[in-house]
Protein backbone atom coordinates (compact mmCIF):
# COMPACT_ATOMS: atom_id res chain seq x y z
CA MET A 1 143.17 44.34 38.16
CA THR A 2 140.10 46.18 39.35
CA ALA A 3 141.67 48.22 42.12
CA THR A 4 144.62 49.26 39.97
CA HIS A 5 142.32 50.48 37.21
CA ASN A 6 140.14 52.44 39.58
CA SER A 7 143.09 54.17 41.18
CA LYS A 8 144.69 55.06 37.83
CA ALA A 9 141.64 56.36 35.95
CA ALA A 10 142.22 60.05 35.28
CA SER A 11 140.23 63.05 34.14
CA VAL A 12 140.86 64.76 30.79
CA SER A 13 140.60 68.52 30.30
CA PHE A 14 140.80 70.67 27.17
CA ARG A 15 141.25 74.43 27.56
CA ASN A 16 140.79 76.49 24.39
CA VAL A 17 142.30 73.74 22.25
CA THR A 18 142.63 74.42 18.52
CA LYS A 19 144.13 72.24 15.79
CA VAL A 20 144.85 73.82 12.42
CA TYR A 21 146.35 71.98 9.43
CA GLY A 22 148.29 73.70 6.69
CA GLY A 23 147.74 77.15 8.09
CA ASP A 24 144.01 77.47 7.43
CA VAL A 25 142.19 74.09 7.76
CA ARG A 26 140.62 74.18 11.22
CA ALA A 27 140.05 70.59 12.41
CA VAL A 28 139.29 71.54 16.03
CA GLY A 29 138.22 75.06 16.92
CA ASN A 30 138.81 76.46 20.40
CA ILE A 31 137.32 73.56 22.40
CA SER A 32 137.06 73.57 26.20
CA VAL A 33 135.71 70.42 27.85
CA ASP A 34 136.16 68.35 31.03
CA ILE A 35 135.86 64.56 31.14
CA ALA A 36 135.56 63.18 34.69
CA ALA A 37 137.64 60.21 35.81
CA GLY A 38 135.81 56.89 35.60
CA THR A 39 133.22 58.01 33.02
CA LEU A 40 132.56 57.01 29.42
CA VAL A 41 132.20 60.07 27.22
CA THR A 42 131.40 59.80 23.52
CA LEU A 43 132.44 62.25 20.82
CA LEU A 44 129.64 62.06 18.27
CA GLY A 45 129.19 63.79 14.95
CA PRO A 46 129.24 63.48 11.15
CA SER A 47 132.40 62.81 9.14
CA GLY A 48 134.83 65.72 9.23
CA CYS A 49 133.39 67.33 12.38
CA GLY A 50 136.64 67.03 14.38
CA LYS A 51 135.83 64.10 16.68
CA THR A 52 138.69 61.79 15.59
CA THR A 53 141.18 64.68 15.63
CA THR A 54 140.06 65.46 19.21
CA LEU A 55 140.67 61.81 20.18
CA ARG A 56 144.11 61.87 18.55
CA LEU A 57 144.94 65.07 20.46
CA ILE A 58 144.27 63.21 23.73
CA ALA A 59 146.42 60.30 22.53
CA GLY A 60 149.31 62.54 21.52
CA LEU A 61 149.09 61.31 17.91
CA GLU A 62 148.37 64.94 16.96
CA MET A 63 149.73 68.05 18.66
CA SER A 64 147.46 71.02 19.32
CA THR A 65 148.11 74.31 17.56
CA SER A 66 147.09 76.21 20.71
CA GLY A 67 145.45 75.57 24.09
CA THR A 68 146.15 73.18 26.97
CA ILE A 69 145.44 69.47 27.43
CA THR A 70 145.69 67.86 30.87
CA ILE A 71 145.32 64.23 31.92
CA GLY A 72 144.80 64.01 35.66
CA ASP A 73 147.09 66.66 37.16
CA ASN A 74 149.59 66.51 34.32
CA ASP A 75 149.85 69.00 31.47
CA VAL A 76 150.42 66.69 28.48
CA THR A 77 149.98 69.35 25.76
CA ASN A 78 153.51 68.92 24.42
CA LEU A 79 154.16 65.31 25.42
CA PRO A 80 154.52 62.65 22.70
CA ALA A 81 152.14 59.67 22.65
CA THR A 82 154.77 57.42 24.29
CA ASP A 83 154.84 59.64 27.40
CA ARG A 84 151.07 59.75 27.91
CA ASP A 85 149.45 57.00 29.94
CA VAL A 86 146.72 56.25 27.39
CA SER A 87 145.80 53.27 25.19
CA MET A 88 143.86 53.36 21.94
CA VAL A 89 141.60 50.77 20.28
CA PHE A 90 141.40 51.37 16.55
CA GLN A 91 138.66 50.68 14.03
CA SER A 92 140.94 48.24 12.16
CA TYR A 93 141.90 46.20 15.30
CA ALA A 94 145.59 46.38 14.12
CA LEU A 95 146.43 42.85 15.32
CA PHE A 96 149.67 41.14 14.24
CA PRO A 97 148.52 38.27 11.97
CA HIS A 98 151.59 36.06 12.63
CA MET A 99 151.28 36.32 16.43
CA SER A 100 148.98 34.29 18.67
CA VAL A 101 146.19 35.99 20.59
CA LEU A 102 148.30 35.82 23.77
CA GLU A 103 151.33 37.36 22.01
CA ASN A 104 149.15 40.15 20.60
CA VAL A 105 147.69 40.99 24.01
CA SER A 106 151.06 40.89 25.81
CA TYR A 107 152.94 42.79 23.07
CA GLY A 108 152.77 46.21 24.74
CA LEU A 109 153.71 44.80 28.15
CA LYS A 110 157.20 43.92 26.87
CA PHE A 111 157.92 47.63 26.61
CA SER A 112 156.45 48.46 30.03
CA GLY A 113 159.05 46.72 32.17
CA PHE A 114 157.18 43.47 32.87
CA ASN A 115 159.04 40.15 32.71
CA LYS A 116 157.78 37.24 30.61
CA ALA A 117 155.86 35.54 33.44
CA GLU A 118 154.15 38.80 34.53
CA SER A 119 153.28 39.66 30.94
CA LYS A 120 151.68 36.25 30.39
CA GLU A 121 149.72 36.47 33.66
CA ARG A 122 148.38 39.93 32.79
CA ALA A 123 147.56 38.94 29.22
CA LEU A 124 145.61 35.86 30.36
CA ALA A 125 143.72 38.01 32.89
CA GLY A 126 142.92 40.50 30.10
CA LEU A 127 141.58 37.74 27.84
CA LYS A 128 139.41 36.42 30.68
CA LEU A 129 138.06 39.93 31.18
CA VAL A 130 136.85 40.16 27.57
CA GLY A 131 135.42 36.63 27.53
CA LEU A 132 138.23 34.99 25.51
CA ASP A 133 139.49 32.53 28.12
CA GLY A 134 141.14 29.61 26.30
CA TYR A 135 141.71 31.49 23.02
CA ASP A 136 145.32 32.41 23.84
CA SER A 137 147.03 30.08 21.31
CA ARG A 138 144.81 30.95 18.33
CA LEU A 139 145.83 33.25 15.48
CA PRO A 140 143.76 36.36 14.64
CA SER A 141 142.70 34.72 11.34
CA GLU A 142 140.98 31.96 13.35
CA LEU A 143 138.74 34.49 15.15
CA SER A 144 135.51 36.24 14.15
CA GLY A 145 135.43 40.02 13.75
CA GLY A 146 133.86 40.43 17.19
CA GLN A 147 136.51 38.24 18.80
CA GLN A 148 139.32 40.17 17.07
CA GLN A 149 137.87 43.41 18.41
CA ARG A 150 137.85 41.93 21.92
CA VAL A 151 141.53 40.98 21.56
CA ALA A 152 142.25 44.61 20.65
CA VAL A 153 140.33 45.75 23.77
CA ALA A 154 142.24 43.25 25.97
CA ARG A 155 145.57 44.47 24.56
CA ALA A 156 144.69 48.03 25.54
CA LEU A 157 143.29 47.06 28.97
CA VAL A 158 146.33 45.11 30.18
CA LEU A 159 148.45 48.28 30.00
CA GLU A 160 146.12 49.73 32.68
CA PRO A 161 146.07 53.19 31.11
CA GLN A 162 144.79 56.34 32.81
CA VAL A 163 142.56 56.88 29.76
CA LEU A 164 141.28 54.33 27.22
CA LEU A 165 140.41 55.65 23.76
CA PHE A 166 138.13 54.01 21.18
CA ASP A 167 138.07 55.18 17.55
CA GLU A 168 134.91 53.88 15.80
CA PRO A 169 135.56 50.44 17.37
CA LEU A 170 132.42 48.70 16.09
CA SER A 171 132.12 49.98 12.54
CA ASN A 172 133.46 46.74 11.00
CA LEU A 173 130.92 44.53 12.82
CA ASP A 174 127.40 43.56 11.78
CA ALA A 175 124.42 45.05 13.64
CA LYS A 176 123.84 42.18 16.09
CA LEU A 177 127.54 41.92 17.01
CA ARG A 178 127.78 45.69 17.37
CA ARG A 179 125.10 45.62 20.05
CA GLN A 180 126.78 42.72 21.87
CA VAL A 181 130.31 44.20 21.82
CA ARG A 182 129.18 47.71 22.82
CA GLU A 183 127.42 46.19 25.86
CA GLU A 184 130.63 44.33 26.75
CA ILE A 185 132.73 47.50 26.44
CA ARG A 186 130.29 49.38 28.65
CA GLU A 187 130.26 46.58 31.24
CA ILE A 188 134.08 46.44 31.39
CA GLN A 189 134.28 50.24 31.68
CA GLN A 190 131.81 50.32 34.58
CA THR A 191 133.27 47.26 36.35
CA LEU A 192 136.82 48.65 36.26
CA GLY A 193 135.90 52.32 36.68
CA LEU A 194 137.83 53.28 33.54
CA THR A 195 137.98 56.69 31.92
CA VAL A 196 136.92 56.04 28.34
CA VAL A 197 136.68 58.49 25.44
CA TYR A 198 134.77 56.90 22.59
CA VAL A 199 134.34 58.15 19.02
CA THR A 200 131.41 57.15 16.81
CA HIS A 201 129.08 58.59 14.17
CA ASP A 202 126.35 56.10 15.22
CA GLN A 203 123.74 57.88 17.36
CA GLU A 204 122.21 54.70 18.79
CA GLU A 205 125.63 53.43 19.83
CA ALA A 206 126.39 56.74 21.55
CA LEU A 207 123.05 56.78 23.40
CA ALA A 208 123.57 53.17 24.55
CA VAL A 209 127.09 53.35 26.02
CA SER A 210 127.66 56.91 27.24
CA ASP A 211 127.53 58.73 30.54
CA ARG A 212 127.85 61.91 28.47
CA ILE A 213 127.82 62.72 24.79
CA ILE A 214 129.69 65.61 23.20
CA VAL A 215 128.08 66.36 19.83
CA MET A 216 130.50 67.99 17.43
CA ASN A 217 129.78 69.93 14.25
CA ASN A 218 132.16 71.98 12.08
CA ALA A 219 135.10 71.50 14.49
CA THR A 220 133.23 72.85 17.53
CA ILE A 221 130.96 71.49 20.27
CA ALA A 222 127.27 71.74 19.32
CA GLN A 223 126.04 70.34 22.67
CA ASP A 224 127.41 68.45 25.67
CA GLY A 225 125.07 66.48 27.94
CA THR A 226 123.68 63.13 29.05
CA PRO A 227 122.03 60.93 26.41
CA ARG A 228 118.59 61.82 27.80
CA GLU A 229 119.33 65.57 27.81
CA LEU A 230 120.43 65.47 24.18
CA TYR A 231 117.43 63.41 23.09
CA ASP A 232 114.77 65.25 25.11
CA ALA A 233 116.19 68.78 24.96
CA PRO A 234 118.44 69.29 21.91
CA ALA A 235 120.06 72.72 21.91
CA ASN A 236 119.59 73.44 18.23
CA ARG A 237 118.33 72.13 14.90
CA PHE A 238 121.57 70.30 14.13
CA VAL A 239 121.50 68.28 17.38
CA ALA A 240 117.74 67.63 17.09
CA ASP A 241 118.22 66.26 13.61
CA PHE A 242 121.43 64.37 14.31
CA ILE A 243 120.40 62.56 17.52
CA GLY A 244 117.54 60.33 16.44
CA GLU A 245 114.87 61.75 14.16
CA ALA A 246 112.96 64.97 14.77
CA ASN A 247 110.15 66.92 13.15
CA ILE A 248 111.28 70.55 13.06
CA MET A 249 108.57 73.15 12.58
CA ALA A 250 108.41 76.92 12.50
CA CYS A 251 106.24 78.34 15.29
CA GLU A 252 105.49 81.65 17.02
CA ILE A 253 106.24 82.55 20.65
CA SER A 254 103.46 84.95 21.63
CA ALA A 255 104.64 85.65 25.21
CA VAL A 256 107.20 84.57 27.81
CA ALA A 257 106.65 84.68 31.57
CA VAL A 258 108.89 83.14 34.26
CA ASP A 259 110.74 80.88 31.80
CA VAL A 260 107.51 79.58 30.26
CA ALA A 261 106.77 80.39 26.62
CA GLN A 262 103.28 80.53 25.14
CA VAL A 263 103.71 78.94 21.74
CA LYS A 264 101.33 78.96 18.78
CA LEU A 265 101.53 76.39 15.98
CA GLY A 266 98.44 76.77 13.80
CA ASP A 267 95.52 75.81 16.02
CA ILE A 268 97.77 74.26 18.64
CA HIS A 269 98.61 76.30 21.74
CA LEU A 270 101.45 75.08 23.95
CA ASN A 271 103.16 76.19 27.15
CA LEU A 272 106.80 75.16 26.97
CA PRO A 273 110.10 75.91 28.77
CA SER A 274 111.35 79.07 27.06
CA ARG A 275 115.04 77.98 27.11
CA GLY A 276 116.11 81.62 27.05
CA LEU A 277 114.03 82.51 24.00
CA HIS A 278 111.86 85.62 23.65
CA SER A 279 108.65 86.50 21.79
CA GLY A 280 108.75 86.11 18.02
CA PRO A 281 109.37 83.41 15.40
CA ALA A 282 111.02 80.22 16.65
CA PHE A 283 111.50 76.53 15.85
CA LEU A 284 110.03 73.51 17.57
CA ALA A 285 111.33 69.92 17.54
CA VAL A 286 109.09 66.91 18.15
CA ARG A 287 110.29 63.29 18.16
CA PRO A 288 108.26 60.92 15.92
CA ASN A 289 107.13 58.79 18.89
CA ARG A 290 105.65 61.92 20.51
CA VAL A 291 103.50 62.85 17.52
CA ILE A 292 99.97 61.50 18.13
CA VAL A 293 97.83 60.54 15.13
CA ASP A 294 94.17 61.01 16.17
CA VAL A 295 90.66 61.20 14.71
CA PRO A 296 89.78 64.50 12.95
CA GLY A 297 88.37 67.33 15.02
CA VAL A 298 90.22 66.66 18.29
CA ALA A 299 90.93 69.83 20.26
CA ASN A 300 94.41 71.43 20.19
CA SER A 301 95.46 69.65 16.99
CA ILE A 302 96.36 70.46 13.39
CA PRO A 303 94.60 68.78 10.45
CA GLY A 304 96.43 66.36 8.22
CA SER A 305 96.22 63.20 6.14
CA ILE A 306 98.19 59.95 5.88
CA VAL A 307 100.38 59.82 2.77
CA ARG A 308 102.42 56.76 3.77
CA LEU A 309 101.88 54.00 6.32
CA THR A 310 104.49 51.30 7.01
CA TYR A 311 104.26 48.30 9.32
CA VAL A 312 107.71 47.48 10.80
CA GLY A 313 106.82 44.75 13.30
CA ASN A 314 106.64 46.37 16.71
CA HIS A 315 105.34 49.75 15.50
CA LEU A 316 103.74 51.66 12.63
CA GLU A 317 105.46 54.51 10.78
CA TYR A 318 103.30 57.34 9.41
CA THR A 319 104.20 60.04 6.93
CA LEU A 320 101.63 62.81 7.39
CA GLU A 321 100.82 65.78 5.19
CA THR A 322 99.76 68.71 7.39
CA THR A 323 99.24 72.45 7.20
CA HIS A 324 102.75 72.71 8.72
CA GLY A 325 104.50 70.50 6.21
CA GLU A 326 105.27 66.80 6.19
CA LEU A 327 105.59 65.10 9.60
CA PHE A 328 106.94 61.68 10.52
CA ALA A 329 105.23 59.77 13.34
CA THR A 330 105.58 56.35 14.94
CA SER A 331 102.95 54.46 16.93
CA SER A 332 103.04 51.24 18.94
CA ASP A 333 99.37 50.68 18.06
CA VAL A 334 99.99 48.14 15.29
CA GLU A 335 96.27 47.17 15.25
CA SER A 336 95.20 50.64 14.09
CA LYS A 337 92.58 50.65 11.32
CA LEU A 338 93.89 53.86 9.76
CA LYS A 339 94.98 53.72 6.11
CA VAL A 340 96.67 55.87 3.47
CA GLY A 341 94.47 58.81 2.47
CA ASP A 342 92.58 58.99 5.76
CA PRO A 343 92.13 62.47 7.25
CA VAL A 344 93.59 62.75 10.77
CA ALA A 345 94.22 65.23 13.57
CA VAL A 346 97.84 65.62 14.63
CA ARG A 347 98.68 66.53 18.20
CA PHE A 348 101.68 66.12 20.49
CA ALA A 349 102.37 64.18 23.69
CA GLU A 350 102.51 66.40 26.77
CA LYS A 351 106.30 66.00 27.03
CA GLY A 352 106.81 66.02 23.29
CA PRO A 353 107.68 69.40 21.81
CA VAL A 354 110.81 71.36 22.70
CA LEU A 355 111.83 74.86 21.59
CA LEU A 356 115.19 75.09 19.84
CA ARG A 357 117.65 77.84 20.66
CA ASP A 358 118.81 78.15 17.04
């Protein structure tokens, strides 16, 4: 199966794609994006941002109002779902309760020109791939939620689509299972070299499985990049706040020279990548694990005090009142003797703060 999958995996391109409902409800607004063959790209964003509509536009379950969609070299903009070589794994699994696992997995193969023996052989290979060898005669009701989701993945895989689509595939699973199944999906994608487009609103899930993440907000793309780029260098306040947690503070850029900005935040002076910004008021984002809680009086720091301190096993969580508002910090130093009410100095790790473009 491996070679066939690798050779069939196709790129996906959107050019100025818009989807409008009822004349004035814009679900997707003038999106242009390229998804390379053999990569896993996640569409991430809050409810109503347009991510599921974008996925359905690739599948052909929705038709675009304007723009062009291509899969590989083929313009599929006006093709129905049945004429696009894609498979979709839904949040609800959508298994037939009266059919065995094997019958569920081989169901789509009946319509793809395979005879009974070929369909069975492919279905068994698909079940082996998702770790369900020997489960072929069971009914969906005899499986756990995680196993049912794997059956749904196997059913999509055996069709050997050019593009495999996942719509919130793990939202019905508990936290431990979610981690296990997302790792399995990622492993299958990498082993077979599949093109996968994956929709979730779970930031941790997106960071864990993706080659690239497309963050959507209000029907448009807020930022497109690798998980590390989005976490370390969010483009704007929305992305900084949506991907993980971030402390966002007003600051002042006093000068910019050769792409380096001199930034002033109270008594703290920083030299940061300017990211195209100029002198004047700006905003700064700092991740909680890059906020350093220190003894009062340390150079290049702002004064503060601890208003909340929580022990969560492998780290401490601090809520700090400072001259620049409330800050949230985490520290791996669980043996710290600091306590609520203690005065502290707040400073930032060298690679901590990042200027936001808007």
